[in-house]
Amino acid sequence: MIIMKRVFGLSVSVIAAALIMLMFSNYEFLLPVGDKGPLATKVHSYDGQTWALEKLKGKPMVVNFWATWCPACIDELPVFSQLSRKYANQVHFVGLVVDSPAAQVAQMVENFAIAYPVAAVGFEVLEAWKANSLPTTYVLDTEGKIVWSQLGTVSQRSLEKILVELIGIEPTTS
């Protein structure tokens, strides 16, 4: 009787593990490179405006999902702030903030001298962009097609390399 219970328990465990593996084998953790980004997505900026990301279409775009409570997100904010200033005429940057109080976001914007649009987003936007983990970053071309993505912290070197390739210029020092 004890052996049958153990065999049954083991069988259930094996079946459960197989189902979980099957479920996640088809799951995409990021939108695929080459796909169009969901630019019709509506966001709510902290100045009370609601707008679609497609209003930024026409230049390459860096879309970064972050939160005030996410240490990795905070670590990379200086990278986005610096590169957004460096490539202000060639690339749009946008920060999409998740589950963070407006006062804390405003403090971060001030502390890190963020000069690009920052907007609050909810579950629908996270789902549309497959931003299931923070931070998540996408780089889109002028047509809104995804050319690069990163789950986790972005380094200045890797982001700048893709931006320089995308806009076709030599990197400058600053």
N, C-alpha and C. Protein backbone atom coordinates (compact mmCIF):
# COMPACT_ATOMS: atom_id res chain seq x y z
N MET A 1 0.81 -1.19 0.00
CA MET A 1 0.00 0.00 0.00
C MET A 1 0.87 1.26 0.00
N ILE A 2 1.92 1.26 0.82
CA ILE A 2 2.81 2.41 0.90
C ILE A 2 3.53 2.60 -0.44
N ILE A 3 3.94 1.49 -1.06
CA ILE A 3 4.62 1.57 -2.35
C ILE A 3 3.70 2.15 -3.40
N MET A 4 2.43 1.74 -3.42
CA MET A 4 1.48 2.26 -4.40
C MET A 4 1.27 3.76 -4.20
N LYS A 5 1.22 4.22 -2.96
CA LYS A 5 1.06 5.66 -2.69
C LYS A 5 2.26 6.44 -3.21
N ARG A 6 3.45 5.88 -2.99
CA ARG A 6 4.66 6.56 -3.46
C ARG A 6 4.72 6.59 -4.99
N VAL A 7 4.36 5.47 -5.63
CA VAL A 7 4.35 5.42 -7.10
C VAL A 7 3.32 6.42 -7.64
N PHE A 8 2.14 6.46 -7.01
CA PHE A 8 1.11 7.41 -7.43
C PHE A 8 1.60 8.85 -7.25
N GLY A 9 2.20 9.13 -6.11
CA GLY A 9 2.73 10.47 -5.84
C GLY A 9 3.81 10.86 -6.83
N LEU A 10 4.69 9.95 -7.13
CA LEU A 10 5.75 10.19 -8.10
C LEU A 10 5.16 10.41 -9.50
N SER A 11 4.16 9.63 -9.86
CA SER A 11 3.51 9.78 -11.17
C SER A 11 2.87 11.16 -11.30
N VAL A 12 2.18 11.58 -10.26
CA VAL A 12 1.54 12.90 -10.28
C VAL A 12 2.61 13.98 -10.40
N SER A 13 3.71 13.84 -9.69
CA SER A 13 4.80 14.83 -9.76
C SER A 13 5.39 14.89 -11.15
N VAL A 14 5.62 13.75 -11.77
CA VAL A 14 6.18 13.71 -13.12
C VAL A 14 5.23 14.35 -14.12
N ILE A 15 3.96 14.06 -14.01
CA ILE A 15 2.95 14.64 -14.92
C ILE A 15 2.88 16.15 -14.71
N ALA A 16 2.88 16.60 -13.47
CA ALA A 16 2.84 18.04 -13.18
C ALA A 16 4.07 18.73 -13.74
N ALA A 17 5.23 18.15 -13.57
CA ALA A 17 6.46 18.74 -14.09
C ALA A 17 6.42 18.81 -15.62
N ALA A 18 5.93 17.75 -16.25
CA ALA A 18 5.82 17.74 -17.72
C ALA A 18 4.87 18.82 -18.21
N LEU A 19 3.75 18.98 -17.52
CA LEU A 19 2.79 20.02 -17.91
C LEU A 19 3.38 21.42 -17.75
N ILE A 20 4.10 21.64 -16.67
CA ILE A 20 4.74 22.94 -16.45
C ILE A 20 5.78 23.20 -17.53
N MET A 21 6.59 22.21 -17.86
CA MET A 21 7.59 22.38 -18.93
C MET A 21 6.92 22.66 -20.26
N LEU A 22 5.83 21.97 -20.55
CA LEU A 22 5.10 22.19 -21.80
C LEU A 22 4.52 23.59 -21.84
N MET A 23 3.97 24.05 -20.72
CA MET A 23 3.40 25.40 -20.65
C MET A 23 4.45 26.45 -20.94
N PHE A 24 5.62 26.34 -20.33
CA PHE A 24 6.65 27.36 -20.46
C PHE A 24 7.49 27.21 -21.72
N SER A 25 7.45 26.08 -22.37
CA SER A 25 8.25 25.92 -23.58
C SER A 25 7.74 26.79 -24.71
N ASN A 26 6.46 27.12 -24.71
CA ASN A 26 5.90 27.98 -25.75
C ASN A 26 5.75 29.43 -25.29
N TYR A 27 6.14 29.72 -24.08
CA TYR A 27 5.97 31.06 -23.54
C TYR A 27 7.13 31.95 -23.98
N GLU A 28 6.80 33.11 -24.51
CA GLU A 28 7.82 34.06 -24.91
C GLU A 28 8.01 35.06 -23.79
N PHE A 29 9.24 35.23 -23.33
CA PHE A 29 9.52 36.14 -22.24
C PHE A 29 9.66 37.58 -22.71
N LEU A 30 9.92 37.79 -24.00
CA LEU A 30 10.00 39.12 -24.59
C LEU A 30 9.31 39.07 -25.95
N LEU A 31 8.89 40.21 -26.43
CA LEU A 31 8.39 40.27 -27.80
C LEU A 31 9.55 39.97 -28.74
N PRO A 32 9.32 39.24 -29.80
CA PRO A 32 10.42 38.85 -30.69
C PRO A 32 11.01 40.02 -31.47
N VAL A 33 12.31 40.00 -31.65
CA VAL A 33 12.97 40.95 -32.53
C VAL A 33 12.38 40.78 -33.92
N GLY A 34 12.10 41.88 -34.57
CA GLY A 34 11.48 41.86 -35.90
C GLY A 34 10.00 42.15 -35.87
N ASP A 35 9.35 41.92 -34.72
CA ASP A 35 7.93 42.24 -34.58
C ASP A 35 7.76 43.74 -34.36
N LYS A 36 6.59 44.23 -34.71
CA LYS A 36 6.26 45.62 -34.40
C LYS A 36 5.95 45.72 -32.91
N GLY A 37 6.42 46.77 -32.29
CA GLY A 37 6.08 47.03 -30.89
C GLY A 37 4.64 47.49 -30.80
N PRO A 38 3.95 47.21 -29.73
CA PRO A 38 2.55 47.63 -29.58
C PRO A 38 2.45 49.13 -29.27
N LEU A 39 2.73 49.94 -30.28
CA LEU A 39 2.81 51.39 -30.09
C LEU A 39 1.45 52.06 -29.92
N ALA A 40 0.36 51.37 -30.19
CA ALA A 40 -0.96 51.94 -29.95
C ALA A 40 -1.28 51.95 -28.46
N THR A 41 -0.41 51.34 -27.68
CA THR A 41 -0.57 51.28 -26.23
C THR A 41 -0.74 52.68 -25.66
N LYS A 42 -1.77 52.86 -24.85
CA LYS A 42 -2.00 54.15 -24.18
C LYS A 42 -1.29 54.16 -22.84
N VAL A 43 -0.64 55.28 -22.55
CA VAL A 43 0.05 55.46 -21.27
C VAL A 43 -0.45 56.75 -20.62
N HIS A 44 -0.21 56.86 -19.33
CA HIS A 44 -0.68 58.01 -18.56
C HIS A 44 0.52 58.72 -17.95
N SER A 45 0.87 59.88 -18.54
CA SER A 45 2.01 60.60 -18.02
C SER A 45 1.65 61.25 -16.69
N TYR A 46 2.66 61.60 -15.95
CA TYR A 46 2.44 62.13 -14.60
C TYR A 46 1.92 63.56 -14.60
N ASP A 47 1.83 64.17 -15.78
CA ASP A 47 1.22 65.51 -15.86
C ASP A 47 -0.26 65.42 -16.19
N GLY A 48 -0.82 64.22 -16.14
CA GLY A 48 -2.25 64.03 -16.36
C GLY A 48 -2.65 63.74 -17.80
N GLN A 49 -1.72 63.67 -18.69
CA GLN A 49 -2.00 63.40 -20.11
C GLN A 49 -2.08 61.90 -20.37
N THR A 50 -2.93 61.50 -21.31
CA THR A 50 -2.97 60.13 -21.80
C THR A 50 -2.59 60.19 -23.27
N TRP A 51 -1.65 59.35 -23.68
CA TRP A 51 -1.21 59.36 -25.06
C TRP A 51 -0.72 57.97 -25.47
N ALA A 52 -0.63 57.78 -26.77
CA ALA A 52 -0.15 56.51 -27.32
C ALA A 52 1.33 56.64 -27.65
N LEU A 53 2.05 55.57 -27.47
CA LEU A 53 3.48 55.57 -27.77
C LEU A 53 3.76 55.85 -29.24
N GLU A 54 2.78 55.60 -30.10
CA GLU A 54 2.99 55.82 -31.53
C GLU A 54 3.25 57.29 -31.86
N LYS A 55 2.95 58.18 -30.93
CA LYS A 55 3.24 59.60 -31.18
C LYS A 55 4.75 59.85 -31.26
N LEU A 56 5.54 58.92 -30.75
CA LEU A 56 7.00 59.04 -30.80
C LEU A 56 7.61 58.36 -32.02
N LYS A 57 6.79 57.70 -32.81
CA LYS A 57 7.26 56.98 -33.99
C LYS A 57 7.91 57.97 -34.95
N GLY A 58 8.92 57.52 -35.68
CA GLY A 58 9.61 58.38 -36.64
C GLY A 58 11.10 58.45 -36.34
N LYS A 59 11.45 58.25 -35.08
CA LYS A 59 12.84 58.14 -34.66
C LYS A 59 12.98 56.79 -33.97
N PRO A 60 14.18 56.28 -33.90
CA PRO A 60 14.37 55.08 -33.06
C PRO A 60 13.89 55.39 -31.64
N MET A 61 13.48 54.36 -30.93
CA MET A 61 12.88 54.56 -29.60
C MET A 61 13.41 53.51 -28.63
N VAL A 62 13.70 53.97 -27.41
CA VAL A 62 14.08 53.09 -26.32
C VAL A 62 12.91 53.12 -25.33
N VAL A 63 12.33 51.96 -25.07
CA VAL A 63 11.21 51.83 -24.14
C VAL A 63 11.69 51.01 -22.95
N ASN A 64 11.69 51.64 -21.77
CA ASN A 64 12.20 50.99 -20.56
C ASN A 64 11.11 50.89 -19.51
N PHE A 65 10.83 49.67 -19.07
CA PHE A 65 9.86 49.41 -18.00
C PHE A 65 10.62 49.34 -16.68
N TRP A 66 10.18 50.12 -15.68
CA TRP A 66 10.87 50.15 -14.40
C TRP A 66 9.90 50.46 -13.27
N ALA A 67 10.40 50.41 -12.04
CA ALA A 67 9.62 50.73 -10.86
C ALA A 67 10.53 51.35 -9.81
N THR A 68 9.96 52.16 -8.95
CA THR A 68 10.75 52.82 -7.90
C THR A 68 11.25 51.83 -6.86
N TRP A 69 10.61 50.69 -6.73
CA TRP A 69 10.97 49.69 -5.72
C TRP A 69 11.91 48.62 -6.27
N CYS A 70 12.35 48.79 -7.50
CA CYS A 70 13.19 47.79 -8.18
C CYS A 70 14.66 48.25 -8.18
N PRO A 71 15.51 47.64 -7.35
CA PRO A 71 16.92 48.07 -7.29
C PRO A 71 17.65 48.02 -8.64
N ALA A 72 17.42 46.99 -9.43
CA ALA A 72 18.07 46.89 -10.74
C ALA A 72 17.61 48.03 -11.66
N CYS A 73 16.35 48.39 -11.56
CA CYS A 73 15.82 49.49 -12.37
C CYS A 73 16.50 50.80 -12.00
N ILE A 74 16.64 51.03 -10.70
CA ILE A 74 17.27 52.25 -10.22
C ILE A 74 18.74 52.30 -10.65
N ASP A 75 19.40 51.15 -10.63
CA ASP A 75 20.81 51.09 -11.04
C ASP A 75 21.00 51.52 -12.49
N GLU A 76 20.04 51.25 -13.35
CA GLU A 76 20.22 51.57 -14.76
C GLU A 76 19.67 52.95 -15.15
N LEU A 77 18.96 53.63 -14.26
CA LEU A 77 18.42 54.96 -14.60
C LEU A 77 19.49 55.96 -15.05
N PRO A 78 20.67 55.99 -14.42
CA PRO A 78 21.70 56.91 -14.93
C PRO A 78 22.10 56.63 -16.38
N VAL A 79 22.10 55.36 -16.78
CA VAL A 79 22.43 55.00 -18.16
C VAL A 79 21.42 55.61 -19.12
N PHE A 80 20.14 55.43 -18.81
CA PHE A 80 19.10 55.96 -19.70
C PHE A 80 19.12 57.48 -19.71
N SER A 81 19.32 58.07 -18.56
CA SER A 81 19.35 59.52 -18.47
C SER A 81 20.50 60.10 -19.30
N GLN A 82 21.69 59.53 -19.13
CA GLN A 82 22.85 60.03 -19.86
C GLN A 82 22.71 59.82 -21.37
N LEU A 83 22.30 58.61 -21.79
CA LEU A 83 22.19 58.33 -23.22
C LEU A 83 21.04 59.12 -23.85
N SER A 84 19.98 59.37 -23.10
CA SER A 84 18.88 60.17 -23.66
C SER A 84 19.32 61.60 -23.95
N ARG A 85 20.20 62.13 -23.12
CA ARG A 85 20.73 63.48 -23.37
C ARG A 85 21.72 63.45 -24.54
N LYS A 86 22.57 62.43 -24.55
CA LYS A 86 23.60 62.32 -25.59
C LYS A 86 23.00 62.16 -26.99
N TYR A 87 21.90 61.39 -27.09
CA TYR A 87 21.29 61.12 -28.39
C TYR A 87 19.90 61.76 -28.52
N ALA A 88 19.70 62.87 -27.84
CA ALA A 88 18.37 63.53 -27.80
C ALA A 88 17.83 63.86 -29.18
N ASN A 89 18.68 64.21 -30.11
CA ASN A 89 18.20 64.58 -31.45
C ASN A 89 17.96 63.38 -32.36
N GLN A 90 18.47 62.22 -31.97
CA GLN A 90 18.36 61.05 -32.84
C GLN A 90 17.44 59.94 -32.32
N VAL A 91 17.20 59.88 -31.00
CA VAL A 91 16.49 58.75 -30.40
C VAL A 91 15.50 59.26 -29.36
N HIS A 92 14.28 58.69 -29.40
CA HIS A 92 13.30 58.95 -28.33
C HIS A 92 13.52 57.93 -27.22
N PHE A 93 13.48 58.39 -25.99
CA PHE A 93 13.47 57.51 -24.82
C PHE A 93 12.14 57.69 -24.13
N VAL A 94 11.61 56.63 -23.55
CA VAL A 94 10.39 56.71 -22.73
C VAL A 94 10.52 55.72 -21.59
N GLY A 95 10.18 56.18 -20.39
CA GLY A 95 10.19 55.32 -19.21
C GLY A 95 8.76 54.97 -18.83
N LEU A 96 8.45 53.70 -18.75
CA LEU A 96 7.12 53.24 -18.37
C LEU A 96 7.21 52.63 -16.98
N VAL A 97 6.56 53.31 -16.04
CA VAL A 97 6.70 53.00 -14.63
C VAL A 97 5.54 52.14 -14.15
N VAL A 98 5.88 51.13 -13.37
CA VAL A 98 4.92 50.15 -12.90
C VAL A 98 4.75 50.28 -11.39
N ASP A 99 3.50 50.31 -10.94
CA ASP A 99 3.18 50.17 -9.52
C ASP A 99 4.06 51.03 -8.61
N SER A 100 4.13 52.32 -8.92
CA SER A 100 4.99 53.22 -8.15
C SER A 100 4.25 54.52 -7.87
N PRO A 101 4.32 54.99 -6.63
CA PRO A 101 3.65 56.25 -6.28
C PRO A 101 4.22 57.44 -7.05
N ALA A 102 3.36 58.33 -7.47
CA ALA A 102 3.76 59.48 -8.27
C ALA A 102 4.84 60.32 -7.59
N ALA A 103 4.74 60.51 -6.28
CA ALA A 103 5.73 61.31 -5.57
C ALA A 103 7.11 60.67 -5.64
N GLN A 104 7.18 59.35 -5.53
CA GLN A 104 8.46 58.66 -5.63
C GLN A 104 9.02 58.73 -7.05
N VAL A 105 8.14 58.63 -8.04
CA VAL A 105 8.57 58.73 -9.43
C VAL A 105 9.13 60.13 -9.68
N ALA A 106 8.42 61.15 -9.21
CA ALA A 106 8.89 62.54 -9.38
C ALA A 106 10.26 62.73 -8.74
N GLN A 107 10.46 62.14 -7.58
CA GLN A 107 11.76 62.24 -6.90
C GLN A 107 12.86 61.57 -7.72
N MET A 108 12.56 60.42 -8.30
CA MET A 108 13.54 59.71 -9.14
C MET A 108 13.86 60.54 -10.39
N VAL A 109 12.82 61.10 -11.01
CA VAL A 109 13.02 61.93 -12.20
C VAL A 109 13.96 63.08 -11.87
N GLU A 110 13.77 63.69 -10.72
CA GLU A 110 14.63 64.80 -10.30
C GLU A 110 16.04 64.31 -9.95
N ASN A 111 16.13 63.26 -9.15
CA ASN A 111 17.44 62.75 -8.71
C ASN A 111 18.32 62.31 -9.87
N PHE A 112 17.72 61.72 -10.90
CA PHE A 112 18.50 61.19 -12.01
C PHE A 112 18.46 62.09 -13.24
N ALA A 113 17.90 63.29 -13.09
CA ALA A 113 17.82 64.27 -14.18
C ALA A 113 17.23 63.64 -15.45
N ILE A 114 16.12 62.95 -15.29
CA ILE A 114 15.47 62.30 -16.42
C ILE A 114 14.72 63.36 -17.22
N ALA A 115 15.11 63.50 -18.48
CA ALA A 115 14.52 64.54 -19.33
C ALA A 115 13.59 63.97 -20.39
N TYR A 116 13.36 62.67 -20.38
CA TYR A 116 12.48 62.04 -21.36
C TYR A 116 11.13 61.75 -20.72
N PRO A 117 10.09 61.47 -21.54
CA PRO A 117 8.76 61.21 -20.97
C PRO A 117 8.75 59.98 -20.06
N VAL A 118 8.05 60.13 -18.95
CA VAL A 118 7.87 59.04 -18.00
C VAL A 118 6.37 58.91 -17.77
N ALA A 119 5.85 57.70 -17.88
CA ALA A 119 4.42 57.48 -17.77
C ALA A 119 4.13 56.25 -16.93
N ALA A 120 2.98 56.26 -16.28
CA ALA A 120 2.52 55.12 -15.48
C ALA A 120 1.79 54.14 -16.39
N VAL A 121 2.03 52.87 -16.17
CA VAL A 121 1.35 51.84 -16.95
C VAL A 121 0.79 50.78 -16.02
N GLY A 122 -0.24 50.11 -16.51
CA GLY A 122 -0.88 49.03 -15.77
C GLY A 122 -0.65 47.69 -16.42
N PHE A 123 -1.39 46.71 -15.95
CA PHE A 123 -1.23 45.32 -16.38
C PHE A 123 -1.40 45.15 -17.89
N GLU A 124 -2.37 45.87 -18.49
CA GLU A 124 -2.63 45.68 -19.92
C GLU A 124 -1.40 46.04 -20.76
N VAL A 125 -0.72 47.11 -20.36
CA VAL A 125 0.47 47.53 -21.09
C VAL A 125 1.61 46.52 -20.86
N LEU A 126 1.78 46.09 -19.63
CA LEU A 126 2.80 45.09 -19.34
C LEU A 126 2.57 43.83 -20.16
N GLU A 127 1.32 43.41 -20.23
CA GLU A 127 0.97 42.21 -21.00
C GLU A 127 1.23 42.41 -22.49
N ALA A 128 0.84 43.57 -23.03
CA ALA A 128 1.04 43.84 -24.45
C ALA A 128 2.52 43.81 -24.83
N TRP A 129 3.36 44.30 -23.93
CA TRP A 129 4.79 44.37 -24.19
C TRP A 129 5.56 43.16 -23.64
N LYS A 130 4.87 42.23 -23.03
CA LYS A 130 5.50 41.07 -22.39
C LYS A 130 6.59 41.51 -21.41
N ALA A 131 6.31 42.56 -20.68
CA ALA A 131 7.23 43.06 -19.66
C ALA A 131 6.87 42.39 -18.34
N ASN A 132 7.17 41.11 -18.26
CA ASN A 132 6.78 40.31 -17.10
C ASN A 132 7.79 40.35 -15.97
N SER A 133 8.90 41.01 -16.20
CA SER A 133 9.95 41.14 -15.21
C SER A 133 10.54 42.54 -15.35
N LEU A 134 11.02 43.07 -14.26
CA LEU A 134 11.60 44.41 -14.30
C LEU A 134 13.07 44.34 -13.94
N PRO A 135 13.87 45.16 -14.59
CA PRO A 135 13.54 46.02 -15.72
C PRO A 135 13.46 45.23 -17.03
N THR A 136 12.72 45.79 -17.97
CA THR A 136 12.63 45.26 -19.33
C THR A 136 12.83 46.44 -20.28
N THR A 137 13.64 46.26 -21.30
CA THR A 137 13.94 47.33 -22.24
C THR A 137 13.82 46.83 -23.67
N TYR A 138 13.22 47.67 -24.51
CA TYR A 138 13.13 47.41 -25.94
C TYR A 138 13.73 48.59 -26.70
N VAL A 139 14.36 48.29 -27.83
CA VAL A 139 14.80 49.32 -28.76
C VAL A 139 14.06 49.06 -30.06
N LEU A 140 13.42 50.12 -30.59
CA LEU A 140 12.65 50.02 -31.82
C LEU A 140 13.25 50.92 -32.88
N ASP A 141 13.09 50.52 -34.14
CA ASP A 141 13.58 51.36 -35.23
C ASP A 141 12.57 52.45 -35.55
N THR A 142 12.80 53.20 -36.61
CA THR A 142 11.94 54.34 -36.96
C THR A 142 10.53 53.92 -37.33
N GLU A 143 10.35 52.67 -37.74
CA GLU A 143 9.03 52.15 -38.10
C GLU A 143 8.32 51.47 -36.93
N GLY A 144 8.98 51.41 -35.79
CA GLY A 144 8.36 50.78 -34.63
C GLY A 144 8.63 49.29 -34.52
N LYS A 145 9.58 48.80 -35.31
CA LYS A 145 9.93 47.38 -35.27
C LYS A 145 10.99 47.15 -34.19
N ILE A 146 10.84 46.09 -33.42
CA ILE A 146 11.78 45.77 -32.35
C ILE A 146 13.09 45.27 -32.96
N VAL A 147 14.19 45.94 -32.59
CA VAL A 147 15.50 45.54 -33.10
C VAL A 147 16.39 44.96 -32.00
N TRP A 148 15.99 45.17 -30.74
CA TRP A 148 16.79 44.68 -29.62
C TRP A 148 15.94 44.70 -28.37
N SER A 149 16.17 43.76 -27.47
CA SER A 149 15.46 43.78 -26.20
C SER A 149 16.35 43.18 -25.12
N GLN A 150 16.04 43.54 -23.90
CA GLN A 150 16.83 43.07 -22.76
C GLN A 150 15.93 42.89 -21.55
N LEU A 151 15.98 41.73 -20.97
CA LEU A 151 15.31 41.45 -19.70
C LEU A 151 16.38 41.59 -18.64
N GLY A 152 16.20 42.48 -17.70
CA GLY A 152 17.20 42.73 -16.68
C GLY A 152 17.97 44.01 -16.97
N THR A 153 18.97 44.25 -16.16
CA THR A 153 19.73 45.50 -16.22
C THR A 153 20.47 45.66 -17.54
N VAL A 154 20.38 46.86 -18.09
CA VAL A 154 21.04 47.21 -19.34
C VAL A 154 22.34 47.94 -19.01
N SER A 155 23.41 47.56 -19.67
CA SER A 155 24.67 48.29 -19.50
C SER A 155 24.74 49.42 -20.51
N GLN A 156 25.46 50.45 -20.15
CA GLN A 156 25.62 51.58 -21.06
C GLN A 156 26.28 51.13 -22.35
N ARG A 157 27.27 50.29 -22.23
CA ARG A 157 28.01 49.83 -23.42
C ARG A 157 27.08 49.09 -24.39
N SER A 158 26.26 48.15 -23.89
CA SER A 158 25.41 47.38 -24.80
C SER A 158 24.32 48.24 -25.42
N LEU A 159 23.72 49.14 -24.63
CA LEU A 159 22.66 49.99 -25.19
C LEU A 159 23.24 50.98 -26.19
N GLU A 160 24.35 51.59 -25.84
CA GLU A 160 24.95 52.56 -26.77
C GLU A 160 25.39 51.89 -28.06
N LYS A 161 25.90 50.68 -27.97
CA LYS A 161 26.33 49.95 -29.18
C LYS A 161 25.15 49.76 -30.13
N ILE A 162 24.01 49.34 -29.62
CA ILE A 162 22.85 49.12 -30.49
C ILE A 162 22.33 50.45 -31.03
N LEU A 163 22.35 51.50 -30.22
CA LEU A 163 21.88 52.81 -30.69
C LEU A 163 22.77 53.35 -31.80
N VAL A 164 24.08 53.24 -31.63
CA VAL A 164 25.03 53.72 -32.63
C VAL A 164 24.83 52.95 -33.94
N GLU A 165 24.65 51.64 -33.85
CA GLU A 165 24.39 50.84 -35.06
C GLU A 165 23.09 51.25 -35.71
N LEU A 166 22.07 51.51 -34.89
CA LEU A 166 20.75 51.84 -35.41
C LEU A 166 20.72 53.19 -36.09
N ILE A 167 21.37 54.18 -35.52
CA ILE A 167 21.33 55.52 -36.11
C ILE A 167 22.49 55.78 -37.06
N GLY A 168 23.43 54.84 -37.12
CA GLY A 168 24.49 54.91 -38.10
C GLY A 168 25.51 56.00 -37.87
N ILE A 169 25.92 56.21 -36.63
CA ILE A 169 26.95 57.20 -36.35
C ILE A 169 28.04 56.56 -35.50
N GLU A 170 29.15 57.25 -35.43
CA GLU A 170 30.24 56.81 -34.57
C GLU A 170 29.95 57.28 -33.15
N PRO A 171 30.26 56.44 -32.15
CA PRO A 171 30.04 56.88 -30.77
C PRO A 171 30.96 58.05 -30.43
N THR A 172 30.44 58.95 -29.62
CA THR A 172 31.24 60.09 -29.18
C THR A 172 31.54 59.90 -27.71
N THR A 173 32.52 60.60 -27.24
CA THR A 173 32.85 60.52 -25.82
C THR A 173 32.22 61.71 -25.11
N SER A 174 31.63 61.43 -23.96
CA SER A 174 31.10 62.50 -23.11
C SER A 174 30.78 61.97 -21.77
